[in-house]
Amino acid sequence: MRGYAGARRHNTEEKGERDGEQMIRVRFTRHAENKFAVLSAHGCLVTRERVLEVLAHPDAVVEGYRARRIAQGWLNNAHVLRVVFEEHEDERVVVTFYPGRRSRYEGPI
C-alpha cells in the first residue's frame, strides 16, 4: 500500500500559493506531473496554473479516500476539474487530478 511517504518520494516540483498571509507549499507527485501529458494526449488541456487555482480557490471541497480531499472547480461548460490532494501542516500534495462531467459532480456538492 502506498501512503504519503510514497507520494513524498516522487515529488517533482514545489510551488506556493497564498492563503491569506500564509504561504503554503504545493507539491505534485510524479503521477500528477504525468497526468498533464496523459490528458493532453486525449485532447484535454489542463495547465499547472489551473490546477493551482482550483486548489487555492475551489468551488467545493469534499472528503476523499484515505484522508485525501478533492478540490473541485470549473474547467469548461461541460466539465469540472477535480484535484485530489493531501493536506499537511506545512504543505499540500497534489496526488492526481481529472476532468469530470458537471452533471455528475455539481448536483450533490
PDB file of N, CA and C in Angstrom:
ATOM      1  N   MET A   1       0.834  -1.190   0.000  1.00  0.00           N
ATOM      2  CA  MET A   1       0.000   0.000   0.000  1.00  0.00           C
ATOM      3  C   MET A   1       0.873   1.245   0.000  1.00  0.00           C
ATOM      4  N   ARG A   2       0.521   2.191  -0.822  1.00  0.00           N
ATOM      5  CA  ARG A   2       1.249   3.449  -0.838  1.00  0.00           C
ATOM      6  C   ARG A   2       0.557   4.438   0.063  1.00  0.00           C
ATOM      7  N   GLY A   3       1.335   5.126   0.819  1.00  0.00           N
ATOM      8  CA  GLY A   3       0.793   6.183   1.655  1.00  0.00           C
ATOM      9  C   GLY A   3       1.451   7.493   1.300  1.00  0.00           C
ATOM     10  N   TYR A   4       1.427   8.399   2.200  1.00  0.00           N
ATOM     11  CA  TYR A   4       2.021   9.700   1.965  1.00  0.00           C
ATOM     12  C   TYR A   4       3.509   9.584   1.679  1.00  0.00           C
ATOM     13  N   ALA A   5       4.186   8.669   2.354  1.00  0.00           N
ATOM     14  CA  ALA A   5       5.629   8.533   2.150  1.00  0.00           C
ATOM     15  C   ALA A   5       5.946   8.220   0.694  1.00  0.00           C
ATOM     16  N   GLY A   6       5.128   7.386   0.054  1.00  0.00           N
ATOM     17  CA  GLY A   6       5.315   7.082  -1.356  1.00  0.00           C
ATOM     18  C   GLY A   6       5.152   8.315  -2.209  1.00  0.00           C
ATOM     19  N   ALA A   7       4.169   9.121  -1.899  1.00  0.00           N
ATOM     20  CA  ALA A   7       3.945  10.354  -2.647  1.00  0.00           C
ATOM     21  C   ALA A   7       5.118  11.311  -2.460  1.00  0.00           C
ATOM     22  N   ARG A   8       5.643  11.378  -1.268  1.00  0.00           N
ATOM     23  CA  ARG A   8       6.731  12.301  -0.987  1.00  0.00           C
ATOM     24  C   ARG A   8       7.984  11.948  -1.778  1.00  0.00           C
ATOM     25  N   ARG A   9       8.282  10.673  -1.935  1.00  0.00           N
ATOM     26  CA  ARG A   9       9.475  10.274  -2.672  1.00  0.00           C
ATOM     27  C   ARG A   9       9.413  10.684  -4.137  1.00  0.00           C
ATOM     28  N   HIS A  10       8.228  10.859  -4.667  1.00  0.00           N
ATOM     29  CA  HIS A  10       8.079  11.121  -6.090  1.00  0.00           C
ATOM     30  C   HIS A  10       7.750  12.580  -6.397  1.00  0.00           C
ATOM     31  N   ASN A  11       7.970  13.470  -5.475  1.00  0.00           N
ATOM     32  CA  ASN A  11       7.714  14.881  -5.745  1.00  0.00           C
ATOM     33  C   ASN A  11       8.626  15.365  -6.849  1.00  0.00           C
ATOM     34  N   THR A  12       8.039  16.129  -7.751  1.00  0.00           N
ATOM     35  CA  THR A  12       8.844  16.639  -8.849  1.00  0.00           C
ATOM     36  C   THR A  12       8.858  18.152  -8.899  1.00  0.00           C
ATOM     37  N   GLU A  13       8.049  18.802  -8.079  1.00  0.00           N
ATOM     38  CA  GLU A  13       8.010  20.255  -8.157  1.00  0.00           C
ATOM     39  C   GLU A  13       7.447  20.829  -6.872  1.00  0.00           C
ATOM     40  N   GLU A  14       7.879  22.017  -6.546  1.00  0.00           N
ATOM     41  CA  GLU A  14       7.299  22.744  -5.433  1.00  0.00           C
ATOM     42  C   GLU A  14       6.790  24.065  -5.947  1.00  0.00           C
ATOM     43  N   LYS A  15       5.623  24.446  -5.523  1.00  0.00           N
ATOM     44  CA  LYS A  15       5.033  25.740  -5.859  1.00  0.00           C
ATOM     45  C   LYS A  15       4.430  26.288  -4.579  1.00  0.00           C
ATOM     46  N   GLY A  16       4.094  27.543  -4.583  1.00  0.00           N
ATOM     47  CA  GLY A  16       3.450  28.121  -3.424  1.00  0.00           C
ATOM     48  C   GLY A  16       2.132  28.741  -3.805  1.00  0.00           C
ATOM     49  N   GLU A  17       1.270  28.883  -2.830  1.00  0.00           N
ATOM     50  CA  GLU A  17       0.014  29.582  -3.032  1.00  0.00           C
ATOM     51  C   GLU A  17      -0.239  30.426  -1.801  1.00  0.00           C
ATOM     52  N   ARG A  18      -0.922  31.516  -1.971  1.00  0.00           N
ATOM     53  CA  ARG A  18      -1.228  32.396  -0.848  1.00  0.00           C
ATOM     54  C   ARG A  18      -2.558  31.994  -0.237  1.00  0.00           C
ATOM     55  N   ASP A  19      -2.551  31.832   1.054  1.00  0.00           N
ATOM     56  CA  ASP A  19      -3.772  31.561   1.805  1.00  0.00           C
ATOM     57  C   ASP A  19      -3.825  32.637   2.875  1.00  0.00           C
ATOM     58  N   GLY A  20      -4.461  33.758   2.547  1.00  0.00           N
ATOM     59  CA  GLY A  20      -4.379  34.909   3.425  1.00  0.00           C
ATOM     60  C   GLY A  20      -2.959  35.436   3.359  1.00  0.00           C
ATOM     61  N   GLU A  21      -2.266  35.459   4.464  1.00  0.00           N
ATOM     62  CA  GLU A  21      -0.885  35.918   4.510  1.00  0.00           C
ATOM     63  C   GLU A  21       0.107  34.771   4.551  1.00  0.00           C
ATOM     64  N   GLN A  22      -0.388  33.551   4.751  1.00  0.00           N
ATOM     65  CA  GLN A  22       0.497  32.408   4.885  1.00  0.00           C
ATOM     66  C   GLN A  22       0.787  31.777   3.527  1.00  0.00           C
ATOM     67  N   MET A  23       2.043  31.464   3.271  1.00  0.00           N
ATOM     68  CA  MET A  23       2.425  30.791   2.037  1.00  0.00           C
ATOM     69  C   MET A  23       2.382  29.291   2.291  1.00  0.00           C
ATOM     70  N   ILE A  24       1.633  28.579   1.460  1.00  0.00           N
ATOM     71  CA  ILE A  24       1.515  27.137   1.597  1.00  0.00           C
ATOM     72  C   ILE A  24       2.258  26.488   0.434  1.00  0.00           C
ATOM     73  N   ARG A  25       3.127  25.558   0.739  1.00  0.00           N
ATOM     74  CA  ARG A  25       3.876  24.842  -0.294  1.00  0.00           C
ATOM     75  C   ARG A  25       2.949  23.817  -0.942  1.00  0.00           C
ATOM     76  N   VAL A  26       3.016  23.716  -2.260  1.00  0.00           N
ATOM     77  CA  VAL A  26       2.244  22.730  -3.008  1.00  0.00           C
ATOM     78  C   VAL A  26       3.222  21.864  -3.785  1.00  0.00           C
ATOM     79  N   ARG A  27       3.094  20.552  -3.618  1.00  0.00           N
ATOM     80  CA  ARG A  27       3.964  19.610  -4.323  1.00  0.00           C
ATOM     81  C   ARG A  27       3.109  18.738  -5.236  1.00  0.00           C
ATOM     82  N   PHE A  28       3.651  18.385  -6.383  1.00  0.00           N
ATOM     83  CA  PHE A  28       2.997  17.480  -7.324  1.00  0.00           C
ATOM     84  C   PHE A  28       3.722  16.134  -7.276  1.00  0.00           C
ATOM     85  N   THR A  29       2.984  15.049  -7.140  1.00  0.00           N
ATOM     86  CA  THR A  29       3.598  13.729  -7.233  1.00  0.00           C
ATOM     87  C   THR A  29       3.995  13.467  -8.679  1.00  0.00           C
ATOM     88  N   ARG A  30       4.799  12.455  -8.898  1.00  0.00           N
ATOM     89  CA  ARG A  30       5.184  12.080 -10.250  1.00  0.00           C
ATOM     90  C   ARG A  30       3.936  11.720 -11.064  1.00  0.00           C
ATOM     91  N   HIS A  31       2.999  11.025 -10.439  1.00  0.00           N
ATOM     92  CA  HIS A  31       1.757  10.675 -11.130  1.00  0.00           C
ATOM     93  C   HIS A  31       1.020  11.935 -11.589  1.00  0.00           C
ATOM     94  N   ALA A  32       0.940  12.925 -10.719  1.00  0.00           N
ATOM     95  CA  ALA A  32       0.260  14.170 -11.082  1.00  0.00           C
ATOM     96  C   ALA A  32       0.987  14.877 -12.219  1.00  0.00           C
ATOM     97  N   GLU A  33       2.318  14.888 -12.173  1.00  0.00           N
ATOM     98  CA  GLU A  33       3.083  15.503 -13.257  1.00  0.00           C
ATOM     99  C   GLU A  33       2.808  14.810 -14.584  1.00  0.00           C
ATOM    100  N   ASN A  34       2.750  13.482 -14.566  1.00  0.00           N
ATOM    101  CA  ASN A  34       2.490  12.717 -15.785  1.00  0.00           C
ATOM    102  C   ASN A  34       1.073  12.926 -16.304  1.00  0.00           C
ATOM    103  N   LYS A  35       0.165  13.273 -15.434  1.00  0.00           N
ATOM    104  CA  LYS A  35      -1.245  13.432 -15.804  1.00  0.00           C
ATOM    105  C   LYS A  35      -1.441  14.564 -16.816  1.00  0.00           C
ATOM    106  N   PHE A  36      -0.608  15.593 -16.781  1.00  0.00           N
ATOM    107  CA  PHE A  36      -0.720  16.676 -17.757  1.00  0.00           C
ATOM    108  C   PHE A  36      -0.589  16.131 -19.177  1.00  0.00           C
ATOM    109  N   ALA A  37       0.416  15.290 -19.405  1.00  0.00           N
ATOM    110  CA  ALA A  37       0.646  14.726 -20.738  1.00  0.00           C
ATOM    111  C   ALA A  37      -0.443  13.737 -21.123  1.00  0.00           C
ATOM    112  N   VAL A  38      -0.899  12.927 -20.177  1.00  0.00           N
ATOM    113  CA  VAL A  38      -1.949  11.944 -20.460  1.00  0.00           C
ATOM    114  C   VAL A  38      -3.229  12.649 -20.904  1.00  0.00           C
ATOM    115  N   LEU A  39      -3.637  13.664 -20.166  1.00  0.00           N
ATOM    116  CA  LEU A  39      -4.860  14.385 -20.530  1.00  0.00           C
ATOM    117  C   LEU A  39      -4.688  15.122 -21.850  1.00  0.00           C
ATOM    118  N   SER A  40      -3.508  15.699 -22.073  1.00  0.00           N
ATOM    119  CA  SER A  40      -3.253  16.400 -23.320  1.00  0.00           C
ATOM    120  C   SER A  40      -3.346  15.454 -24.515  1.00  0.00           C
ATOM    121  N   ALA A  41      -2.847  14.236 -24.360  1.00  0.00           N
ATOM    122  CA  ALA A  41      -2.913  13.241 -25.435  1.00  0.00           C
ATOM    123  C   ALA A  41      -4.351  12.874 -25.779  1.00  0.00           C
ATOM    124  N   HIS A  42      -5.256  13.076 -24.816  1.00  0.00           N
ATOM    125  CA  HIS A  42      -6.679  12.800 -25.032  1.00  0.00           C
ATOM    126  C   HIS A  42      -7.459  14.058 -25.402  1.00  0.00           C
ATOM    127  N   GLY A  43      -6.735  15.137 -25.680  1.00  0.00           N
ATOM    128  CA  GLY A  43      -7.380  16.366 -26.117  1.00  0.00           C
ATOM    129  C   GLY A  43      -7.915  17.246 -25.002  1.00  0.00           C
ATOM    130  N   CYS A  44      -7.498  16.993 -23.785  1.00  0.00           N
ATOM    131  CA  CYS A  44      -7.963  17.789 -22.637  1.00  0.00           C
ATOM    132  C   CYS A  44      -6.769  18.562 -22.089  1.00  0.00           C
ATOM    133  N   LEU A  45      -6.697  19.850 -22.395  1.00  0.00           N
ATOM    134  CA  LEU A  45      -5.580  20.669 -21.950  1.00  0.00           C
ATOM    135  C   LEU A  45      -5.870  21.226 -20.555  1.00  0.00           C
ATOM    136  N   VAL A  46      -5.085  20.810 -19.595  1.00  0.00           N
ATOM    137  CA  VAL A  46      -5.165  21.320 -18.224  1.00  0.00           C
ATOM    138  C   VAL A  46      -3.787  21.859 -17.889  1.00  0.00           C
ATOM    139  N   THR A  47      -3.731  23.109 -17.455  1.00  0.00           N
ATOM    140  CA  THR A  47      -2.450  23.717 -17.115  1.00  0.00           C
ATOM    141  C   THR A  47      -2.158  23.579 -15.626  1.00  0.00           C
ATOM    142  N   ARG A  48      -0.893  23.665 -15.301  1.00  0.00           N
ATOM    143  CA  ARG A  48      -0.465  23.641 -13.904  1.00  0.00           C
ATOM    144  C   ARG A  48      -1.099  24.814 -13.147  1.00  0.00           C
ATOM    145  N   GLU A  49      -1.188  25.954 -13.835  1.00  0.00           N
ATOM    146  CA  GLU A  49      -1.778  27.130 -13.202  1.00  0.00           C
ATOM    147  C   GLU A  49      -3.244  26.889 -12.834  1.00  0.00           C
ATOM    148  N   ARG A  50      -3.973  26.199 -13.721  1.00  0.00           N
ATOM    149  CA  ARG A  50      -5.390  25.932 -13.432  1.00  0.00           C
ATOM    150  C   ARG A  50      -5.526  24.983 -12.248  1.00  0.00           C
ATOM    151  N   VAL A  51      -4.660  23.977 -12.158  1.00  0.00           N
ATOM    152  CA  VAL A  51      -4.698  23.061 -11.012  1.00  0.00           C
ATOM    153  C   VAL A  51      -4.449  23.845  -9.724  1.00  0.00           C
ATOM    154  N   LEU A  52      -3.459  24.731  -9.744  1.00  0.00           N
ATOM    155  CA  LEU A  52      -3.163  25.531  -8.551  1.00  0.00           C
ATOM    156  C   LEU A  52      -4.308  26.485  -8.207  1.00  0.00           C
ATOM    157  N   GLU A  53      -4.970  27.050  -9.228  1.00  0.00           N
ATOM    158  CA  GLU A  53      -6.114  27.931  -8.983  1.00  0.00           C
ATOM    159  C   GLU A  53      -7.260  27.178  -8.316  1.00  0.00           C
ATOM    160  N   VAL A  54      -7.557  25.990  -8.819  1.00  0.00           N
ATOM    161  CA  VAL A  54      -8.633  25.188  -8.223  1.00  0.00           C
ATOM    162  C   VAL A  54      -8.275  24.809  -6.795  1.00  0.00           C
ATOM    163  N   LEU A  55      -7.023  24.493  -6.556  1.00  0.00           N
ATOM    164  CA  LEU A  55      -6.586  24.142  -5.203  1.00  0.00           C
ATOM    165  C   LEU A  55      -6.684  25.340  -4.263  1.00  0.00           C
ATOM    166  N   ALA A  56      -6.345  26.521  -4.751  1.00  0.00           N
ATOM    167  CA  ALA A  56      -6.367  27.727  -3.916  1.00  0.00           C
ATOM    168  C   ALA A  56      -7.773  28.282  -3.720  1.00  0.00           C
ATOM    169  N   HIS A  57      -8.619  28.173  -4.760  1.00  0.00           N
ATOM    170  CA  HIS A  57      -9.965  28.763  -4.708  1.00  0.00           C
ATOM    171  C   HIS A  57     -10.992  27.800  -5.294  1.00  0.00           C
ATOM    172  N   PRO A  58     -11.243  26.676  -4.614  1.00  0.00           N
ATOM    173  CA  PRO A  58     -12.177  25.689  -5.156  1.00  0.00           C
ATOM    174  C   PRO A  58     -13.628  26.139  -5.036  1.00  0.00           C
ATOM    175  N   ASP A  59     -14.453  25.634  -5.946  1.00  0.00           N
ATOM    176  CA  ASP A  59     -15.899  25.837  -5.828  1.00  0.00           C
ATOM    177  C   ASP A  59     -16.457  24.958  -4.718  1.00  0.00           C
ATOM    178  N   ALA A  60     -15.817  23.818  -4.503  1.00  0.00           N
ATOM    179  CA  ALA A  60     -16.227  22.879  -3.461  1.00  0.00           C
ATOM    180  C   ALA A  60     -15.041  22.008  -3.072  1.00  0.00           C
ATOM    181  N   VAL A  61     -15.052  21.510  -1.841  1.00  0.00           N
ATOM    182  CA  VAL A  61     -14.053  20.556  -1.373  1.00  0.00           C
ATOM    183  C   VAL A  61     -14.811  19.437  -0.665  1.00  0.00           C
ATOM    184  N   VAL A  62     -14.517  18.191  -1.042  1.00  0.00           N
ATOM    185  CA  VAL A  62     -15.165  17.040  -0.414  1.00  0.00           C
ATOM    186  C   VAL A  62     -14.093  16.100   0.116  1.00  0.00           C
ATOM    187  N   GLU A  63     -14.483  15.270   1.069  1.00  0.00           N
ATOM    188  CA  GLU A  63     -13.564  14.280   1.612  1.00  0.00           C
ATOM    189  C   GLU A  63     -13.416  13.142   0.621  1.00  0.00           C
ATOM    190  N   GLY A  64     -12.202  12.671   0.465  1.00  0.00           N
ATOM    191  CA  GLY A  64     -11.918  11.564  -0.429  1.00  0.00           C
ATOM    192  C   GLY A  64     -11.499  10.336   0.352  1.00  0.00           C
ATOM    193  N   TYR A  65     -10.868   9.426  -0.326  1.00  0.00           N
ATOM    194  CA  TYR A  65     -10.417   8.162   0.230  1.00  0.00           C
ATOM    195  C   TYR A  65      -9.102   8.339   0.991  1.00  0.00           C
ATOM    196  N   ARG A  66      -8.946   7.652   2.115  1.00  0.00           N
ATOM    197  CA  ARG A  66      -7.709   7.651   2.899  1.00  0.00           C
ATOM    198  C   ARG A  66      -7.248   9.045   3.301  1.00  0.00           C
ATOM    199  N   ALA A  67      -8.134   9.828   3.836  1.00  0.00           N
ATOM    200  CA  ALA A  67      -7.828  11.169   4.353  1.00  0.00           C
ATOM    201  C   ALA A  67      -7.410  12.154   3.262  1.00  0.00           C
ATOM    202  N   ARG A  68      -7.663  11.807   2.030  1.00  0.00           N
ATOM    203  CA  ARG A  68      -7.408  12.757   0.944  1.00  0.00           C
ATOM    204  C   ARG A  68      -8.640  13.617   0.755  1.00  0.00           C
ATOM    205  N   ARG A  69      -8.419  14.767   0.154  1.00  0.00           N
ATOM    206  CA  ARG A  69      -9.519  15.679  -0.124  1.00  0.00           C
ATOM    207  C   ARG A  69      -9.560  15.948  -1.619  1.00  0.00           C
ATOM    208  N   ILE A  70     -10.715  16.372  -2.100  1.00  0.00           N
ATOM    209  CA  ILE A  70     -10.884  16.657  -3.519  1.00  0.00           C
ATOM    210  C   ILE A  70     -11.400  18.078  -3.671  1.00  0.00           C
ATOM    211  N   ALA A  71     -10.594  18.916  -4.293  1.00  0.00           N
ATOM    212  CA  ALA A  71     -10.998  20.292  -4.602  1.00  0.00           C
ATOM    213  C   ALA A  71     -11.578  20.277  -6.014  1.00  0.00           C
ATOM    214  N   GLN A  72     -12.664  20.988  -6.182  1.00  0.00           N
ATOM    215  CA  GLN A  72     -13.343  20.989  -7.477  1.00  0.00           C
ATOM    216  C   GLN A  72     -13.558  22.407  -7.962  1.00  0.00           C
ATOM    217  N   GLY A  73     -13.306  22.610  -9.260  1.00  0.00           N
ATOM    218  CA  GLY A  73     -13.509  23.916  -9.870  1.00  0.00           C
ATOM    219  C   GLY A  73     -13.880  23.783 -11.334  1.00  0.00           C
ATOM    220  N   TRP A  74     -14.304  24.873 -11.911  1.00  0.00           N
ATOM    221  CA  TRP A  74     -14.772  24.920 -13.291  1.00  0.00           C
ATOM    222  C   TRP A  74     -13.633  24.618 -14.258  1.00  0.00           C
ATOM    223  N   LEU A  75     -13.921  23.808 -15.280  1.00  0.00           N
ATOM    224  CA  LEU A  75     -12.954  23.545 -16.350  1.00  0.00           C
ATOM    225  C   LEU A  75     -13.478  24.077 -17.676  1.00  0.00           C
ATOM    226  N   ASN A  76     -14.706  23.745 -18.013  1.00  0.00           N
ATOM    227  CA  ASN A  76     -15.379  24.292 -19.189  1.00  0.00           C
ATOM    228  C   ASN A  76     -16.885  24.126 -18.983  1.00  0.00           C
ATOM    229  N   ASN A  77     -17.688  24.453 -19.975  1.00  0.00           N
ATOM    230  CA  ASN A  77     -19.140  24.405 -19.788  1.00  0.00           C
ATOM    231  C   ASN A  77     -19.669  23.018 -19.446  1.00  0.00           C
ATOM    232  N   ALA A  78     -18.969  21.979 -19.841  1.00  0.00           N
ATOM    233  CA  ALA A  78     -19.449  20.618 -19.611  1.00  0.00           C
ATOM    234  C   ALA A  78     -18.694  19.886 -18.501  1.00  0.00           C
ATOM    235  N   HIS A  79     -17.542  20.416 -18.080  1.00  0.00           N
ATOM    236  CA  HIS A  79     -16.690  19.679 -17.148  1.00  0.00           C
ATOM    237  C   HIS A  79     -16.193  20.519 -15.977  1.00  0.00           C
ATOM    238  N   VAL A  80     -15.902  19.818 -14.888  1.00  0.00           N
ATOM    239  CA  VAL A  80     -15.221  20.402 -13.733  1.00  0.00           C
ATOM    240  C   VAL A  80     -13.846  19.754 -13.647  1.00  0.00           C
ATOM    241  N   LEU A  81     -12.929  20.411 -12.981  1.00  0.00           N
ATOM    242  CA  LEU A  81     -11.616  19.840 -12.712  1.00  0.00           C
ATOM    243  C   LEU A  81     -11.609  19.416 -11.251  1.00  0.00           C
ATOM    244  N   ARG A  82     -11.277  18.165 -11.006  1.00  0.00           N
ATOM    245  CA  ARG A  82     -11.207  17.632  -9.640  1.00  0.00           C
ATOM    246  C   ARG A  82      -9.742  17.359  -9.308  1.00  0.00           C
ATOM    247  N   VAL A  83      -9.275  17.940  -8.213  1.00  0.00           N
ATOM    248  CA  VAL A  83      -7.879  17.833  -7.793  1.00  0.00           C
ATOM    249  C   VAL A  83      -7.830  17.067  -6.476  1.00  0.00           C
ATOM    250  N   VAL A  84      -7.227  15.884  -6.521  1.00  0.00           N
ATOM    251  CA  VAL A  84      -7.097  15.048  -5.327  1.00  0.00           C
ATOM    252  C   VAL A  84      -5.793  15.432  -4.633  1.00  0.00           C
ATOM    253  N   PHE A  85      -5.899  15.768  -3.341  1.00  0.00           N
ATOM    254  CA  PHE A  85      -4.705  16.223  -2.634  1.00  0.00           C
ATOM    255  C   PHE A  85      -4.713  15.764  -1.191  1.00  0.00           C
ATOM    256  N   GLU A  86      -3.531  15.771  -0.602  1.00  0.00           N
ATOM    257  CA  GLU A  86      -3.360  15.517   0.822  1.00  0.00           C
ATOM    258  C   GLU A  86      -2.930  16.829   1.457  1.00  0.00           C
ATOM    259  N   GLU A  87      -3.532  17.126   2.578  1.00  0.00           N
ATOM    260  CA  GLU A  87      -3.211  18.379   3.259  1.00  0.00           C
ATOM    261  C   GLU A  87      -2.457  18.080   4.539  1.00  0.00           C
ATOM    262  N   HIS A  88      -1.326  18.757   4.686  1.00  0.00           N
ATOM    263  CA  HIS A  88      -0.488  18.585   5.860  1.00  0.00           C
ATOM    264  C   HIS A  88      -0.244  19.959   6.469  1.00  0.00           C
ATOM    265  N   GLU A  89       0.382  19.973   7.606  1.00  0.00           N
ATOM    266  CA  GLU A  89       0.570  21.216   8.344  1.00  0.00           C
ATOM    267  C   GLU A  89       1.252  22.301   7.523  1.00  0.00           C
ATOM    268  N   ASP A  90       2.266  21.934   6.754  1.00  0.00           N
ATOM    269  CA  ASP A  90       3.050  22.933   6.041  1.00  0.00           C
ATOM    270  C   ASP A  90       3.006  22.803   4.522  1.00  0.00           C
ATOM    271  N   GLU A  91       2.203  21.874   3.989  1.00  0.00           N
ATOM    272  CA  GLU A  91       2.156  21.699   2.542  1.00  0.00           C
ATOM    273  C   GLU A  91       0.904  20.949   2.106  1.00  0.00           C
ATOM    274  N   ARG A  92       0.631  21.066   0.816  1.00  0.00           N
ATOM    275  CA  ARG A  92      -0.398  20.279   0.158  1.00  0.00           C
ATOM    276  C   ARG A  92       0.284  19.464  -0.928  1.00  0.00           C
ATOM    277  N   VAL A  93      -0.108  18.209  -1.055  1.00  0.00           N
ATOM    278  CA  VAL A  93       0.471  17.329  -2.055  1.00  0.00           C
ATOM    279  C   VAL A  93      -0.619  16.975  -3.060  1.00  0.00           C
ATOM    280  N   VAL A  94      -0.428  17.377  -4.312  1.00  0.00           N
ATOM    281  CA  VAL A  94      -1.371  17.039  -5.379  1.00  0.00           C
ATOM    282  C   VAL A  94      -1.050  15.615  -5.814  1.00  0.00           C
ATOM    283  N   VAL A  95      -2.009  14.704  -5.568  1.00  0.00           N
ATOM    284  CA  VAL A  95      -1.831  13.299  -5.884  1.00  0.00           C
ATOM    285  C   VAL A  95      -2.202  13.040  -7.343  1.00  0.00           C
ATOM    286  N   THR A  96      -3.328  13.596  -7.773  1.00  0.00           N
ATOM    287  CA  THR A  96      -3.793  13.467  -9.145  1.00  0.00           C
ATOM    288  C   THR A  96      -4.858  14.516  -9.408  1.00  0.00           C
ATOM    289  N   PHE A  97      -5.293  14.605 -10.626  1.00  0.00           N
ATOM    290  CA  PHE A  97      -6.406  15.477 -10.993  1.00  0.00           C
ATOM    291  C   PHE A  97      -7.051  14.898 -12.230  1.00  0.00           C
ATOM    292  N   TYR A  98      -8.310  15.238 -12.437  1.00  0.00           N
ATOM    293  CA  TYR A  98      -9.022  14.684 -13.585  1.00  0.00           C
ATOM    294  C   TYR A  98     -10.240  15.533 -13.901  1.00  0.00           C
ATOM    295  N   PRO A  99     -10.658  15.533 -15.175  1.00  0.00           N
ATOM    296  CA  PRO A  99     -11.901  16.217 -15.522  1.00  0.00           C
ATOM    297  C   PRO A  99     -13.085  15.304 -15.199  1.00  0.00           C
ATOM    298  N   GLY A 100     -14.160  15.912 -14.793  1.00  0.00           N
ATOM    299  CA  GLY A 100     -15.389  15.174 -14.532  1.00  0.00           C
ATOM    300  C   GLY A 100     -16.567  15.911 -15.137  1.00  0.00           C
ATOM    301  N   ARG A 101     -17.580  15.181 -15.508  1.00  0.00           N
ATOM    302  CA  ARG A 101     -18.771  15.833 -16.066  1.00  0.00           C
ATOM    303  C   ARG A 101     -19.488  16.634 -14.986  1.00  0.00           C
ATOM    304  N   ARG A 102     -19.827  17.851 -15.331  1.00  0.00           N
ATOM    305  CA  ARG A 102     -20.516  18.722 -14.371  1.00  0.00           C
ATOM    306  C   ARG A 102     -21.807  18.089 -13.896  1.00  0.00           C
ATOM    307  N   SER A 103     -22.500  17.408 -14.804  1.00  0.00           N
ATOM    308  CA  SER A 103     -23.788  16.796 -14.436  1.00  0.00           C
ATOM    309  C   SER A 103     -23.601  15.727 -13.350  1.00  0.00           C
ATOM    310  N   ARG A 104     -22.451  15.114 -13.276  1.00  0.00           N
ATOM    311  CA  ARG A 104     -22.214  14.089 -12.263  1.00  0.00           C
ATOM    312  C   ARG A 104     -21.803  14.681 -10.928  1.00  0.00           C
ATOM    313  N   TYR A 105     -20.949  15.702 -10.939  1.00  0.00           N
ATOM    314  CA  TYR A 105     -20.350  16.192  -9.711  1.00  0.00           C
ATOM    315  C   TYR A 105     -20.944  17.460  -9.130  1.00  0.00           C
ATOM    316  N   GLU A 106     -21.643  18.250  -9.890  1.00  0.00           N
ATOM    317  CA  GLU A 106     -22.137  19.504  -9.328  1.00  0.00           C
ATOM    318  C   GLU A 106     -23.456  19.359  -8.592  1.00  0.00           C
ATOM    319  N   GLY A 107     -24.230  18.358  -8.875  1.00  0.00           N
ATOM    320  CA  GLY A 107     -25.519  18.188  -8.207  1.00  0.00           C
ATOM    321  C   GLY A 107     -25.407  17.999  -6.704  1.00  0.00           C
ATOM    322  N   PRO A 108     -24.699  16.940  -6.238  1.00  0.00           N
ATOM    323  CA  PRO A 108     -24.670  16.647  -4.818  1.00  0.00           C
ATOM    324  C   PRO A 108     -23.754  17.544  -4.000  1.00  0.00           C
ATOM    325  N   ILE A 109     -22.887  18.306  -4.658  1.00  0.00           N
ATOM    326  CA  ILE A 109     -21.922  19.128  -3.898  1.00  0.00           C
ATOM    327  C   ILE A 109     -22.544  20.452  -3.524  1.00  0.00           C
TER     328      ILE A 109
END
